[in-house]
Amino acid sequence: MMVAVVALALVRNLFAVIVLFGLYSFLTATVMVSLDAVDVAMTEAAVGAGVSTVLLLGALHLCRSEEEKPTHKPWLPLAVTIGTGLVLVYGTWDLPEFSDREAPIHTHVTPRYLEDGPRETGVPNVVTAVLASYRGFDTLGETTVVFTAGIGVIALLRRRRHLREDMEK
């Protein structure tokens, strides 16, 4: 994954960037499978490596294939990115060890979902109960974001097509 990220930062050919982005998404999906998050892995493979790659290839068809060189050095965005990364790393220092049986999620949250979930939600499947009931607003928000992004892409591609038709007249 790190090799793909470094290559993404260095490559100027946009087709190669899209392929590397799809590869990175696929590698992320395999990491999610190894962490036993198969539902997240399937979503990442379908959306990240599949749909996003196809949409980016379609957008590339309408654009140039080489990225323009920046007119100035992006030092401020680089500093903000590094600062944000350091804050995120600092925030992970208080997290429990991976697979720690005494972590709060394993001692408080998981038992409650497993024991009280079917009774509280009326849904026998615990995963469905968590996604549709306990995290219902979160799931609705994620669905809204994906829908809005899709509508935005369609609107941009339609606008580009109308501009091309006007230029041909």
C-alpha atoms as a PDB file:
ATOM      1  CA  MET A   1       0.000   0.000   0.000  1.00  0.00           C
ATOM      2  CA  MET A   2       2.835   2.386   0.780  1.00  0.00           C
ATOM      3  CA  VAL A   3       4.402   1.730  -2.632  1.00  0.00           C
ATOM      4  CA  ALA A   4       1.083   2.587  -4.280  1.00  0.00           C
ATOM      5  CA  VAL A   5       0.826   5.818  -2.271  1.00  0.00           C
ATOM      6  CA  VAL A   6       4.371   6.899  -3.168  1.00  0.00           C
ATOM      7  CA  ALA A   7       3.742   6.062  -6.817  1.00  0.00           C
ATOM      8  CA  LEU A   8       0.478   8.068  -6.706  1.00  0.00           C
ATOM      9  CA  ALA A   9       2.392  11.084  -5.454  1.00  0.00           C
ATOM     10  CA  LEU A  10       5.076  10.849  -8.128  1.00  0.00           C
ATOM     11  CA  VAL A  11       3.188   9.863 -11.300  1.00  0.00           C
ATOM     12  CA  ARG A  12       1.836  12.598 -13.600  1.00  0.00           C
ATOM     13  CA  ASN A  13       0.000  10.333 -16.069  1.00  0.00           C
ATOM     14  CA  LEU A  14      -3.631  10.400 -14.962  1.00  0.00           C
ATOM     15  CA  PHE A  15      -4.425   6.948 -16.363  1.00  0.00           C
ATOM     16  CA  ALA A  16      -1.635   5.485 -14.213  1.00  0.00           C
ATOM     17  CA  VAL A  17      -2.985   7.422 -11.220  1.00  0.00           C
ATOM     18  CA  ILE A  18      -6.455   5.926 -11.703  1.00  0.00           C
ATOM     19  CA  VAL A  19      -5.023   2.407 -11.992  1.00  0.00           C
ATOM     20  CA  LEU A  20      -2.926   2.936  -8.849  1.00  0.00           C
ATOM     21  CA  PHE A  21      -5.976   4.317  -7.039  1.00  0.00           C
ATOM     22  CA  GLY A  22      -7.939   1.186  -7.961  1.00  0.00           C
ATOM     23  CA  LEU A  23      -5.035  -0.980  -6.802  1.00  0.00           C
ATOM     24  CA  TYR A  24      -4.888   0.893  -3.493  1.00  0.00           C
ATOM     25  CA  SER A  25      -8.639   0.395  -2.994  1.00  0.00           C
ATOM     26  CA  PHE A  26      -8.303  -3.303  -3.747  1.00  0.00           C
ATOM     27  CA  LEU A  27      -5.423  -3.614  -1.259  1.00  0.00           C
ATOM     28  CA  THR A  28      -7.515  -1.793   1.339  1.00  0.00           C
ATOM     29  CA  ALA A  29     -10.305  -4.315   0.747  1.00  0.00           C
ATOM     30  CA  THR A  30      -7.884  -7.197   1.349  1.00  0.00           C
ATOM     31  CA  VAL A  31      -6.772  -5.575   4.613  1.00  0.00           C
ATOM     32  CA  MET A  32     -10.421  -5.336   5.676  1.00  0.00           C
ATOM     33  CA  VAL A  33     -10.899  -9.044   4.909  1.00  0.00           C
ATOM     34  CA  SER A  34      -7.902  -9.905   7.075  1.00  0.00           C
ATOM     35  CA  LEU A  35      -9.482  -7.855   9.897  1.00  0.00           C
ATOM     36  CA  ASP A  36     -12.737  -9.873   9.541  1.00  0.00           C
ATOM     37  CA  ALA A  37     -14.674  -6.864   8.250  1.00  0.00           C
ATOM     38  CA  VAL A  38     -15.962  -8.625   5.156  1.00  0.00           C
ATOM     39  CA  ASP A  39     -18.913  -6.262   4.688  1.00  0.00           C
ATOM     40  CA  VAL A  40     -16.603  -3.238   4.641  1.00  0.00           C
ATOM     41  CA  ALA A  41     -14.206  -5.101   2.323  1.00  0.00           C
ATOM     42  CA  MET A  42     -16.985  -5.880  -0.153  1.00  0.00           C
ATOM     43  CA  THR A  43     -18.116  -2.253  -0.123  1.00  0.00           C
ATOM     44  CA  GLU A  44     -14.549  -0.991  -0.628  1.00  0.00           C
ATOM     45  CA  ALA A  45     -13.986  -3.441  -3.486  1.00  0.00           C
ATOM     46  CA  ALA A  46     -17.265  -2.540  -5.183  1.00  0.00           C
ATOM     47  CA  VAL A  47     -17.193   1.228  -4.670  1.00  0.00           C
ATOM     48  CA  GLY A  48     -13.481   2.016  -4.326  1.00  0.00           C
ATOM     49  CA  ALA A  49     -11.926  -0.406  -6.779  1.00  0.00           C
ATOM     50  CA  GLY A  50     -14.942  -0.828  -9.045  1.00  0.00           C
ATOM     51  CA  VAL A  51     -17.345   2.069  -9.454  1.00  0.00           C
ATOM     52  CA  SER A  52     -14.863   4.843  -8.597  1.00  0.00           C
ATOM     53  CA  THR A  53     -12.323   3.510 -11.073  1.00  0.00           C
ATOM     54  CA  VAL A  54     -14.912   3.350 -13.851  1.00  0.00           C
ATOM     55  CA  LEU A  55     -16.161   6.880 -13.087  1.00  0.00           C
ATOM     56  CA  LEU A  56     -12.615   8.254 -13.007  1.00  0.00           C
ATOM     57  CA  LEU A  57     -11.805   6.556 -16.325  1.00  0.00           C
ATOM     58  CA  GLY A  58     -14.945   8.107 -17.792  1.00  0.00           C
ATOM     59  CA  ALA A  59     -13.931  11.532 -16.525  1.00  0.00           C
ATOM     60  CA  LEU A  60     -10.418  11.018 -17.888  1.00  0.00           C
ATOM     61  CA  HIS A  61     -11.935  10.358 -21.310  1.00  0.00           C
ATOM     62  CA  LEU A  62     -13.233  13.947 -21.212  1.00  0.00           C
ATOM     63  CA  CYS A  63      -9.946  15.498 -20.027  1.00  0.00           C
ATOM     64  CA  ARG A  64      -6.260  15.583 -20.838  1.00  0.00           C
ATOM     65  CA  SER A  65      -4.207  12.567 -19.851  1.00  0.00           C
ATOM     66  CA  GLU A  66      -1.335  14.474 -18.225  1.00  0.00           C
ATOM     67  CA  GLU A  67      -1.531  16.478 -15.016  1.00  0.00           C
ATOM     68  CA  GLU A  68      -0.345  20.075 -15.294  1.00  0.00           C
ATOM     69  CA  LYS A  69       2.728  21.046 -13.306  1.00  0.00           C
ATOM     70  CA  PRO A  70       1.850  23.194 -10.275  1.00  0.00           C
ATOM     71  CA  THR A  71       2.651  26.876 -10.671  1.00  0.00           C
ATOM     72  CA  HIS A  72       3.936  27.140  -7.099  1.00  0.00           C
ATOM     73  CA  LYS A  73       5.196  24.842  -4.354  1.00  0.00           C
ATOM     74  CA  PRO A  74       2.322  23.625  -2.170  1.00  0.00           C
ATOM     75  CA  TRP A  75       4.089  24.111   1.199  1.00  0.00           C
ATOM     76  CA  LEU A  76       1.003  25.185   3.169  1.00  0.00           C
ATOM     77  CA  PRO A  77      -1.137  22.175   2.160  1.00  0.00           C
ATOM     78  CA  LEU A  78       1.844  19.905   2.875  1.00  0.00           C
ATOM     79  CA  ALA A  79       2.286  21.429   6.347  1.00  0.00           C
ATOM     80  CA  VAL A  80      -1.447  21.090   7.097  1.00  0.00           C
ATOM     81  CA  THR A  81      -1.420  17.458   5.954  1.00  0.00           C
ATOM     82  CA  ILE A  82       1.631  16.584   8.034  1.00  0.00           C
ATOM     83  CA  GLY A  83       0.178  18.411  11.049  1.00  0.00           C
ATOM     84  CA  THR A  84      -3.133  16.571  10.720  1.00  0.00           C
ATOM     85  CA  GLY A  85      -1.299  13.253  10.407  1.00  0.00           C
ATOM     86  CA  LEU A  86       0.715  13.953  13.556  1.00  0.00           C
ATOM     87  CA  VAL A  87      -2.438  14.873  15.493  1.00  0.00           C
ATOM     88  CA  LEU A  88      -4.092  11.637  14.332  1.00  0.00           C
ATOM     89  CA  VAL A  89      -1.065   9.569  15.355  1.00  0.00           C
ATOM     90  CA  TYR A  90      -1.039  11.318  18.748  1.00  0.00           C
ATOM     91  CA  GLY A  91      -4.744  10.483  19.120  1.00  0.00           C
ATOM     92  CA  THR A  92      -4.064   6.762  18.672  1.00  0.00           C
ATOM     93  CA  TRP A  93      -1.716   6.556  21.654  1.00  0.00           C
ATOM     94  CA  ASP A  94      -4.641   6.199  24.095  1.00  0.00           C
ATOM     95  CA  LEU A  95      -6.383   3.489  22.097  1.00  0.00           C
ATOM     96  CA  PRO A  96      -6.355  -0.041  23.528  1.00  0.00           C
ATOM     97  CA  GLU A  97      -4.135  -2.686  21.945  1.00  0.00           C
ATOM     98  CA  PHE A  98      -5.575  -4.404  18.878  1.00  0.00           C
ATOM     99  CA  SER A  99      -7.835  -7.330  19.953  1.00  0.00           C
ATOM    100  CA  ASP A 100      -7.553  -6.412  23.657  1.00  0.00           C
ATOM    101  CA  ARG A 101     -10.304  -8.369  25.436  1.00  0.00           C
ATOM    102  CA  GLU A 102     -10.587  -5.667  28.106  1.00  0.00           C
ATOM    103  CA  ALA A 103     -11.194  -2.843  25.608  1.00  0.00           C
ATOM    104  CA  PRO A 104     -14.420  -0.913  26.327  1.00  0.00           C
ATOM    105  CA  ILE A 105     -15.990  -2.021  23.049  1.00  0.00           C
ATOM    106  CA  HIS A 106     -15.653  -5.666  24.107  1.00  0.00           C
ATOM    107  CA  THR A 107     -16.754  -5.181  27.715  1.00  0.00           C
ATOM    108  CA  HIS A 108     -19.662  -2.753  27.250  1.00  0.00           C
ATOM    109  CA  VAL A 109     -20.871  -2.265  23.685  1.00  0.00           C
ATOM    110  CA  THR A 110     -20.656  -5.723  22.120  1.00  0.00           C
ATOM    111  CA  PRO A 111     -22.390  -7.615  24.970  1.00  0.00           C
ATOM    112  CA  ARG A 112     -25.235  -5.103  24.970  1.00  0.00           C
ATOM    113  CA  TYR A 113     -25.745  -5.422  21.220  1.00  0.00           C
ATOM    114  CA  LEU A 114     -25.643  -9.222  21.371  1.00  0.00           C
ATOM    115  CA  GLU A 115     -27.895  -9.588  24.423  1.00  0.00           C
ATOM    116  CA  ASP A 116     -30.361  -6.708  24.050  1.00  0.00           C
ATOM    117  CA  GLY A 117     -30.275  -6.077  20.287  1.00  0.00           C
ATOM    118  CA  PRO A 118     -32.943  -8.559  19.166  1.00  0.00           C
ATOM    119  CA  ARG A 119     -35.296  -7.478  21.971  1.00  0.00           C
ATOM    120  CA  GLU A 120     -34.745  -3.706  21.524  1.00  0.00           C
ATOM    121  CA  THR A 121     -34.914  -3.622  17.725  1.00  0.00           C
ATOM    122  CA  GLY A 122     -37.058  -6.615  16.859  1.00  0.00           C
ATOM    123  CA  VAL A 123     -34.450  -7.722  14.313  1.00  0.00           C
ATOM    124  CA  PRO A 124     -32.903 -11.179  14.889  1.00  0.00           C
ATOM    125  CA  ASN A 125     -29.760 -10.479  12.818  1.00  0.00           C
ATOM    126  CA  VAL A 126     -27.326  -8.484  14.979  1.00  0.00           C
ATOM    127  CA  VAL A 127     -25.471  -6.878  12.050  1.00  0.00           C
ATOM    128  CA  THR A 128     -28.719  -5.671  10.503  1.00  0.00           C
ATOM    129  CA  ALA A 129     -29.904  -4.421  13.893  1.00  0.00           C
ATOM    130  CA  VAL A 130     -26.716  -2.392  14.387  1.00  0.00           C
ATOM    131  CA  LEU A 131     -26.705  -0.909  10.864  1.00  0.00           C
ATOM    132  CA  ALA A 132     -30.433  -0.218  10.549  1.00  0.00           C
ATOM    133  CA  SER A 133     -31.366   0.662  14.112  1.00  0.00           C
ATOM    134  CA  TYR A 134     -28.461   1.674  16.337  1.00  0.00           C
ATOM    135  CA  ARG A 135     -26.543   3.334  13.486  1.00  0.00           C
ATOM    136  CA  GLY A 136     -29.553   4.189  11.335  1.00  0.00           C
ATOM    137  CA  PHE A 137     -28.818   7.900  11.018  1.00  0.00           C
ATOM    138  CA  ASP A 138     -25.168   7.161  10.227  1.00  0.00           C
ATOM    139  CA  THR A 139     -26.182   4.707   7.498  1.00  0.00           C
ATOM    140  CA  LEU A 140     -28.698   7.222   6.133  1.00  0.00           C
ATOM    141  CA  GLY A 141     -25.973   9.880   6.060  1.00  0.00           C
ATOM    142  CA  GLU A 142     -23.560   7.586   4.213  1.00  0.00           C
ATOM    143  CA  THR A 143     -26.242   6.707   1.680  1.00  0.00           C
ATOM    144  CA  THR A 144     -27.042  10.402   1.190  1.00  0.00           C
ATOM    145  CA  VAL A 145     -23.377  11.241   0.585  1.00  0.00           C
ATOM    146  CA  VAL A 146     -22.961   8.465  -2.001  1.00  0.00           C
ATOM    147  CA  PHE A 147     -26.221   9.441  -3.738  1.00  0.00           C
ATOM    148  CA  THR A 148     -25.241  13.128  -3.823  1.00  0.00           C
ATOM    149  CA  ALA A 149     -21.799  12.279  -5.225  1.00  0.00           C
ATOM    150  CA  GLY A 150     -23.401  10.173  -7.963  1.00  0.00           C
ATOM    151  CA  ILE A 151     -25.827  12.937  -8.899  1.00  0.00           C
ATOM    152  CA  GLY A 152     -22.919  15.415  -8.975  1.00  0.00           C
ATOM    153  CA  VAL A 153     -20.923  13.220 -11.338  1.00  0.00           C
ATOM    154  CA  ILE A 154     -23.923  12.781 -13.626  1.00  0.00           C
ATOM    155  CA  ALA A 155     -24.545  16.548 -13.628  1.00  0.00           C
ATOM    156  CA  LEU A 156     -20.907  17.320 -14.464  1.00  0.00           C
ATOM    157  CA  LEU A 157     -20.769  14.762 -17.268  1.00  0.00           C
ATOM    158  CA  ARG A 158     -24.041  16.036 -18.738  1.00  0.00           C
ATOM    159  CA  ARG A 159     -22.827  19.622 -18.617  1.00  0.00           C
ATOM    160  CA  ARG A 160     -19.624  18.627 -20.409  1.00  0.00           C
ATOM    161  CA  ARG A 161     -21.634  16.844 -23.109  1.00  0.00           C
ATOM    162  CA  HIS A 162     -23.885  19.897 -23.621  1.00  0.00           C
ATOM    163  CA  LEU A 163     -20.839  22.183 -23.876  1.00  0.00           C
ATOM    164  CA  ARG A 164     -19.322  19.888 -26.520  1.00  0.00           C
ATOM    165  CA  GLU A 165     -22.581  19.878 -28.524  1.00  0.00           C
ATOM    166  CA  ASP A 166     -22.743  23.700 -28.378  1.00  0.00           C
ATOM    167  CA  MET A 167     -19.158  23.986 -29.626  1.00  0.00           C
ATOM    168  CA  GLU A 168     -19.899  21.689 -32.590  1.00  0.00           C
ATOM    169  CA  LYS A 169     -22.799  23.890 -33.768  1.00  0.00           C
END
